[in-house]
Amino acid sequence: MLFEFAAVAGHPPMCTFVPYTQNAGACTFINELENNDPEFNIFPNPFNTSITILGNSTEKAEGTIVIYNALGSILFDSKLKGISIVINTDNLSQGVYFVKIQTKQGIKIKKVVKE
């Protein structure tokens, strides 16, 4: 289950359910399921002053990275060009955030926590 957040100036944040369907045979193990999400690791989680986003491929990824707060407000928005990026998070308060990575391969949304 994925949720996509959007915020428009002057309007309350909106949360949209994005259905995700996976077909699997009766004998398919969970680690065998195919998925079109881009392959990235986000660490450390929980984090303090920065987070690193690292692609699981040697190919450079192109796309966007957006960080939302729990209300759906966009706090960080940047282009992704390469296999890794370090994001300074000094300006973020302690709390829960969502990192959305969108590439040609698909969209990945991961919850992260700032201590």
N, C-alpha and C. Protein backbone atom coordinates (compact mmCIF):
# COMPACT_ATOMS: atom_id res chain seq x y z
N MET A 1 0.85 -1.16 0.00
CA MET A 1 0.00 0.00 0.00
C MET A 1 0.90 1.23 0.00
N LEU A 2 0.69 2.12 -0.93
CA LEU A 2 1.47 3.34 -1.03
C LEU A 2 0.55 4.54 -0.88
N PHE A 3 1.06 5.59 -0.30
CA PHE A 3 0.33 6.84 -0.21
C PHE A 3 1.16 7.91 -0.87
N GLU A 4 0.52 8.76 -1.62
CA GLU A 4 1.22 9.85 -2.26
C GLU A 4 0.66 11.15 -1.68
N PHE A 5 1.56 12.03 -1.26
CA PHE A 5 1.16 13.27 -0.63
C PHE A 5 1.35 14.42 -1.60
N ALA A 6 0.46 15.39 -1.52
CA ALA A 6 0.59 16.58 -2.35
C ALA A 6 0.13 17.79 -1.55
N ALA A 7 0.84 18.88 -1.70
CA ALA A 7 0.47 20.12 -1.02
C ALA A 7 0.45 21.25 -2.03
N VAL A 8 -0.59 22.05 -1.98
CA VAL A 8 -0.73 23.20 -2.86
C VAL A 8 -0.88 24.43 -1.98
N ALA A 9 -0.14 25.47 -2.28
CA ALA A 9 -0.17 26.68 -1.45
C ALA A 9 -1.61 27.15 -1.26
N GLY A 10 -1.97 27.44 -0.02
CA GLY A 10 -3.30 27.95 0.29
C GLY A 10 -4.35 26.89 0.46
N HIS A 11 -4.00 25.62 0.30
CA HIS A 11 -4.95 24.52 0.45
C HIS A 11 -4.37 23.49 1.42
N PRO A 12 -5.23 22.75 2.12
CA PRO A 12 -4.71 21.72 3.03
C PRO A 12 -4.03 20.60 2.25
N PRO A 13 -3.04 19.94 2.86
CA PRO A 13 -2.36 18.82 2.18
C PRO A 13 -3.34 17.70 1.85
N MET A 14 -3.08 17.01 0.77
CA MET A 14 -3.93 15.90 0.36
C MET A 14 -3.12 14.61 0.38
N CYS A 15 -3.76 13.54 0.71
CA CYS A 15 -3.13 12.23 0.70
C CYS A 15 -3.94 11.35 -0.24
N THR A 16 -3.29 10.75 -1.21
CA THR A 16 -3.96 9.92 -2.20
C THR A 16 -3.48 8.49 -2.08
N PHE A 17 -4.39 7.53 -2.00
CA PHE A 17 -4.03 6.12 -1.97
C PHE A 17 -3.64 5.70 -3.37
N VAL A 18 -2.48 5.05 -3.49
CA VAL A 18 -2.00 4.55 -4.77
C VAL A 18 -2.03 3.03 -4.70
N PRO A 19 -2.97 2.37 -5.37
CA PRO A 19 -3.06 0.90 -5.26
C PRO A 19 -1.83 0.22 -5.86
N TYR A 20 -1.42 -0.87 -5.25
CA TYR A 20 -0.27 -1.62 -5.72
C TYR A 20 -0.68 -3.08 -5.79
N THR A 21 -0.56 -3.68 -6.94
CA THR A 21 -0.96 -5.06 -7.14
C THR A 21 0.25 -5.89 -7.53
N GLN A 22 0.36 -7.09 -6.95
CA GLN A 22 1.45 -7.98 -7.29
C GLN A 22 0.88 -9.36 -7.57
N ASN A 23 1.14 -9.89 -8.74
CA ASN A 23 0.70 -11.24 -9.06
C ASN A 23 1.79 -12.20 -8.65
N ALA A 24 1.41 -13.27 -7.98
CA ALA A 24 2.38 -14.26 -7.54
C ALA A 24 1.77 -15.65 -7.62
N GLY A 25 2.60 -16.61 -7.98
CA GLY A 25 2.14 -18.00 -7.99
C GLY A 25 2.02 -18.53 -6.58
N ALA A 26 1.37 -19.66 -6.42
CA ALA A 26 1.13 -20.24 -5.10
C ALA A 26 2.43 -20.56 -4.37
N CYS A 27 3.49 -20.84 -5.09
CA CYS A 27 4.75 -21.24 -4.45
C CYS A 27 5.81 -20.14 -4.51
N THR A 28 5.41 -18.91 -4.73
CA THR A 28 6.36 -17.82 -4.81
C THR A 28 6.69 -17.32 -3.41
N PHE A 29 7.97 -17.24 -3.10
CA PHE A 29 8.40 -16.70 -1.82
C PHE A 29 8.44 -15.18 -1.91
N ILE A 30 8.31 -14.51 -0.77
CA ILE A 30 8.24 -13.06 -0.76
C ILE A 30 9.48 -12.42 -1.38
N ASN A 31 10.67 -13.01 -1.21
CA ASN A 31 11.87 -12.41 -1.79
C ASN A 31 11.98 -12.64 -3.29
N GLU A 32 11.05 -13.39 -3.87
CA GLU A 32 11.06 -13.61 -5.31
C GLU A 32 10.10 -12.70 -6.05
N LEU A 33 9.29 -11.94 -5.32
CA LEU A 33 8.30 -11.09 -5.96
C LEU A 33 8.99 -9.99 -6.76
N GLU A 34 8.53 -9.79 -7.97
CA GLU A 34 9.09 -8.72 -8.79
C GLU A 34 8.38 -7.44 -8.44
N ASN A 35 9.09 -6.34 -8.60
CA ASN A 35 8.52 -5.06 -8.25
C ASN A 35 9.24 -4.02 -9.09
N ASN A 36 8.51 -3.01 -9.53
CA ASN A 36 9.09 -1.99 -10.41
C ASN A 36 9.64 -0.79 -9.67
N ASP A 37 9.71 -0.86 -8.33
CA ASP A 37 10.26 0.26 -7.57
C ASP A 37 11.73 0.42 -7.91
N PRO A 38 12.20 1.67 -7.92
CA PRO A 38 13.64 1.86 -8.08
C PRO A 38 14.36 1.27 -6.87
N GLU A 39 15.53 0.76 -7.06
CA GLU A 39 16.29 0.11 -5.99
C GLU A 39 17.21 1.11 -5.31
N PHE A 40 16.85 1.55 -4.12
CA PHE A 40 17.64 2.49 -3.35
C PHE A 40 17.63 2.11 -1.89
N ASN A 41 18.73 2.39 -1.20
CA ASN A 41 18.80 2.28 0.25
C ASN A 41 18.87 3.69 0.81
N ILE A 42 18.15 3.91 1.91
CA ILE A 42 18.17 5.20 2.59
C ILE A 42 18.68 4.95 3.99
N PHE A 43 19.78 5.60 4.37
CA PHE A 43 20.36 5.35 5.69
C PHE A 43 21.09 6.59 6.18
N PRO A 44 21.39 6.72 7.47
CA PRO A 44 20.88 5.86 8.54
C PRO A 44 19.40 6.17 8.79
N ASN A 45 18.72 5.26 9.40
CA ASN A 45 17.32 5.46 9.77
C ASN A 45 17.09 4.77 11.10
N PRO A 46 16.94 5.51 12.17
CA PRO A 46 16.75 6.96 12.28
C PRO A 46 18.03 7.73 11.99
N PHE A 47 17.87 9.04 11.67
CA PHE A 47 19.00 9.89 11.30
C PHE A 47 19.07 11.11 12.20
N ASN A 48 20.19 11.84 12.11
CA ASN A 48 20.36 13.07 12.89
C ASN A 48 20.60 14.27 11.98
N THR A 49 21.79 14.38 11.41
CA THR A 49 22.15 15.58 10.64
C THR A 49 22.12 15.39 9.13
N SER A 50 22.06 14.14 8.67
CA SER A 50 22.00 13.91 7.22
C SER A 50 21.49 12.50 6.95
N ILE A 51 20.98 12.32 5.74
CA ILE A 51 20.63 10.97 5.27
C ILE A 51 21.33 10.77 3.92
N THR A 52 21.65 9.52 3.65
CA THR A 52 22.28 9.14 2.39
C THR A 52 21.32 8.27 1.61
N ILE A 53 21.17 8.56 0.34
CA ILE A 53 20.36 7.74 -0.56
C ILE A 53 21.34 7.12 -1.55
N LEU A 54 21.39 5.79 -1.56
CA LEU A 54 22.35 5.06 -2.36
C LEU A 54 21.63 4.08 -3.26
N GLY A 55 21.89 4.18 -4.56
CA GLY A 55 21.29 3.26 -5.52
C GLY A 55 21.95 1.89 -5.43
N ASN A 56 21.18 0.85 -5.71
CA ASN A 56 21.69 -0.52 -5.67
C ASN A 56 22.22 -0.96 -7.02
N SER A 57 22.50 -0.01 -7.89
CA SER A 57 22.97 -0.32 -9.24
C SER A 57 24.20 0.53 -9.53
N THR A 58 25.01 0.06 -10.44
CA THR A 58 26.17 0.86 -10.85
C THR A 58 25.78 1.88 -11.91
N GLU A 59 24.54 1.78 -12.42
CA GLU A 59 24.07 2.74 -13.42
C GLU A 59 23.59 4.01 -12.72
N LYS A 60 23.89 5.15 -13.34
CA LYS A 60 23.42 6.42 -12.79
C LYS A 60 21.90 6.50 -12.95
N ALA A 61 21.25 6.92 -11.87
CA ALA A 61 19.80 7.08 -11.91
C ALA A 61 19.47 8.55 -12.12
N GLU A 62 18.44 8.81 -12.87
CA GLU A 62 17.96 10.18 -13.04
C GLU A 62 16.51 10.21 -12.61
N GLY A 63 16.18 11.22 -11.82
CA GLY A 63 14.83 11.34 -11.33
C GLY A 63 14.74 12.46 -10.31
N THR A 64 13.82 12.32 -9.37
CA THR A 64 13.64 13.34 -8.35
C THR A 64 13.58 12.71 -6.96
N ILE A 65 13.98 13.49 -5.97
CA ILE A 65 13.88 13.11 -4.57
C ILE A 65 13.08 14.20 -3.88
N VAL A 66 12.04 13.80 -3.15
CA VAL A 66 11.22 14.76 -2.41
C VAL A 66 11.07 14.24 -0.99
N ILE A 67 11.24 15.13 -0.01
CA ILE A 67 11.01 14.77 1.39
C ILE A 67 9.77 15.54 1.86
N TYR A 68 8.80 14.79 2.43
CA TYR A 68 7.56 15.34 2.96
C TYR A 68 7.52 15.17 4.47
N ASN A 69 6.82 16.06 5.15
CA ASN A 69 6.55 15.82 6.57
C ASN A 69 5.26 15.03 6.67
N ALA A 70 4.83 14.74 7.89
CA ALA A 70 3.63 13.92 8.09
C ALA A 70 2.36 14.61 7.62
N LEU A 71 2.40 15.92 7.44
CA LEU A 71 1.24 16.67 6.95
C LEU A 71 1.21 16.76 5.43
N GLY A 72 2.23 16.26 4.77
CA GLY A 72 2.29 16.28 3.32
C GLY A 72 2.98 17.50 2.73
N SER A 73 3.56 18.35 3.58
CA SER A 73 4.27 19.52 3.09
C SER A 73 5.63 19.12 2.53
N ILE A 74 6.01 19.68 1.40
CA ILE A 74 7.30 19.39 0.79
C ILE A 74 8.37 20.21 1.50
N LEU A 75 9.38 19.51 2.03
CA LEU A 75 10.46 20.16 2.76
C LEU A 75 11.77 20.15 1.98
N PHE A 76 11.90 19.24 1.02
CA PHE A 76 13.11 19.12 0.21
C PHE A 76 12.70 18.57 -1.14
N ASP A 77 13.26 19.14 -2.20
CA ASP A 77 12.94 18.70 -3.56
C ASP A 77 14.20 18.89 -4.40
N SER A 78 14.70 17.81 -5.00
CA SER A 78 15.94 17.91 -5.75
C SER A 78 15.95 16.89 -6.89
N LYS A 79 16.75 17.18 -7.88
CA LYS A 79 16.97 16.23 -8.98
C LYS A 79 17.97 15.17 -8.51
N LEU A 80 17.79 13.97 -8.95
CA LEU A 80 18.72 12.86 -8.68
C LEU A 80 19.49 12.60 -9.96
N LYS A 81 20.82 12.73 -9.87
CA LYS A 81 21.68 12.47 -11.02
C LYS A 81 22.90 11.73 -10.49
N GLY A 82 22.88 10.43 -10.56
CA GLY A 82 23.99 9.64 -10.06
C GLY A 82 23.49 8.45 -9.27
N ILE A 83 24.40 7.82 -8.55
CA ILE A 83 24.00 6.63 -7.79
C ILE A 83 23.87 6.91 -6.30
N SER A 84 24.25 8.13 -5.86
CA SER A 84 24.08 8.45 -4.44
C SER A 84 23.96 9.95 -4.23
N ILE A 85 23.35 10.31 -3.09
CA ILE A 85 23.22 11.71 -2.69
C ILE A 85 23.18 11.74 -1.17
N VAL A 86 23.85 12.74 -0.59
CA VAL A 86 23.79 12.97 0.85
C VAL A 86 23.00 14.26 1.06
N ILE A 87 21.96 14.19 1.90
CA ILE A 87 21.08 15.33 2.13
C ILE A 87 21.29 15.83 3.55
N ASN A 88 21.64 17.11 3.69
CA ASN A 88 21.80 17.73 4.99
C ASN A 88 20.41 17.94 5.59
N THR A 89 20.19 17.45 6.81
CA THR A 89 18.87 17.53 7.43
C THR A 89 18.89 18.38 8.71
N ASP A 90 19.88 19.25 8.84
CA ASP A 90 19.95 20.11 10.03
C ASP A 90 18.69 20.96 10.20
N ASN A 91 18.06 21.34 9.10
CA ASN A 91 16.88 22.21 9.18
C ASN A 91 15.59 21.46 9.53
N LEU A 92 15.63 20.14 9.63
CA LEU A 92 14.44 19.36 9.98
C LEU A 92 14.36 19.15 11.49
N SER A 93 13.16 19.25 12.03
CA SER A 93 12.92 18.96 13.45
C SER A 93 12.84 17.46 13.65
N GLN A 94 12.89 17.04 14.91
CA GLN A 94 12.69 15.62 15.20
C GLN A 94 11.29 15.22 14.75
N GLY A 95 11.18 14.02 14.18
CA GLY A 95 9.86 13.56 13.74
C GLY A 95 9.95 12.56 12.62
N VAL A 96 8.80 12.28 12.03
CA VAL A 96 8.66 11.30 10.96
C VAL A 96 8.55 12.03 9.62
N TYR A 97 9.27 11.52 8.63
CA TYR A 97 9.27 12.10 7.29
C TYR A 97 9.13 10.99 6.27
N PHE A 98 8.76 11.37 5.05
CA PHE A 98 8.63 10.42 3.95
C PHE A 98 9.53 10.87 2.81
N VAL A 99 10.36 9.95 2.33
CA VAL A 99 11.26 10.23 1.21
C VAL A 99 10.68 9.54 -0.03
N LYS A 100 10.42 10.34 -1.06
CA LYS A 100 9.88 9.81 -2.31
C LYS A 100 10.95 9.91 -3.38
N ILE A 101 11.30 8.77 -3.96
CA ILE A 101 12.28 8.72 -5.05
C ILE A 101 11.53 8.28 -6.29
N GLN A 102 11.59 9.11 -7.33
CA GLN A 102 10.90 8.79 -8.58
C GLN A 102 11.91 8.76 -9.71
N THR A 103 11.99 7.61 -10.40
CA THR A 103 12.85 7.45 -11.56
C THR A 103 12.03 6.83 -12.68
N LYS A 104 12.68 6.55 -13.81
CA LYS A 104 11.98 5.88 -14.91
C LYS A 104 11.50 4.49 -14.50
N GLN A 105 12.19 3.87 -13.53
CA GLN A 105 11.83 2.53 -13.08
C GLN A 105 10.58 2.53 -12.21
N GLY A 106 10.23 3.66 -11.61
CA GLY A 106 9.05 3.71 -10.77
C GLY A 106 9.23 4.67 -9.61
N ILE A 107 8.43 4.46 -8.58
CA ILE A 107 8.42 5.33 -7.41
C ILE A 107 8.65 4.49 -6.16
N LYS A 108 9.50 5.01 -5.28
CA LYS A 108 9.72 4.37 -3.98
C LYS A 108 9.48 5.43 -2.91
N ILE A 109 8.68 5.09 -1.90
CA ILE A 109 8.42 5.98 -0.78
C ILE A 109 8.82 5.25 0.49
N LYS A 110 9.66 5.89 1.28
CA LYS A 110 10.16 5.25 2.50
C LYS A 110 9.99 6.21 3.68
N LYS A 111 9.54 5.66 4.80
CA LYS A 111 9.41 6.45 6.02
C LYS A 111 10.74 6.50 6.72
N VAL A 112 11.17 7.70 7.16
CA VAL A 112 12.39 7.88 7.90
C VAL A 112 12.09 8.71 9.15
N VAL A 113 12.94 8.57 10.16
CA VAL A 113 12.72 9.25 11.45
C VAL A 113 13.95 10.05 11.81
N LYS A 114 13.74 11.33 12.18
CA LYS A 114 14.83 12.15 12.68
C LYS A 114 14.77 12.13 14.21
N GLU A 115 15.92 11.80 14.82
CA GLU A 115 15.99 11.76 16.28
C GLU A 115 16.35 13.11 16.83
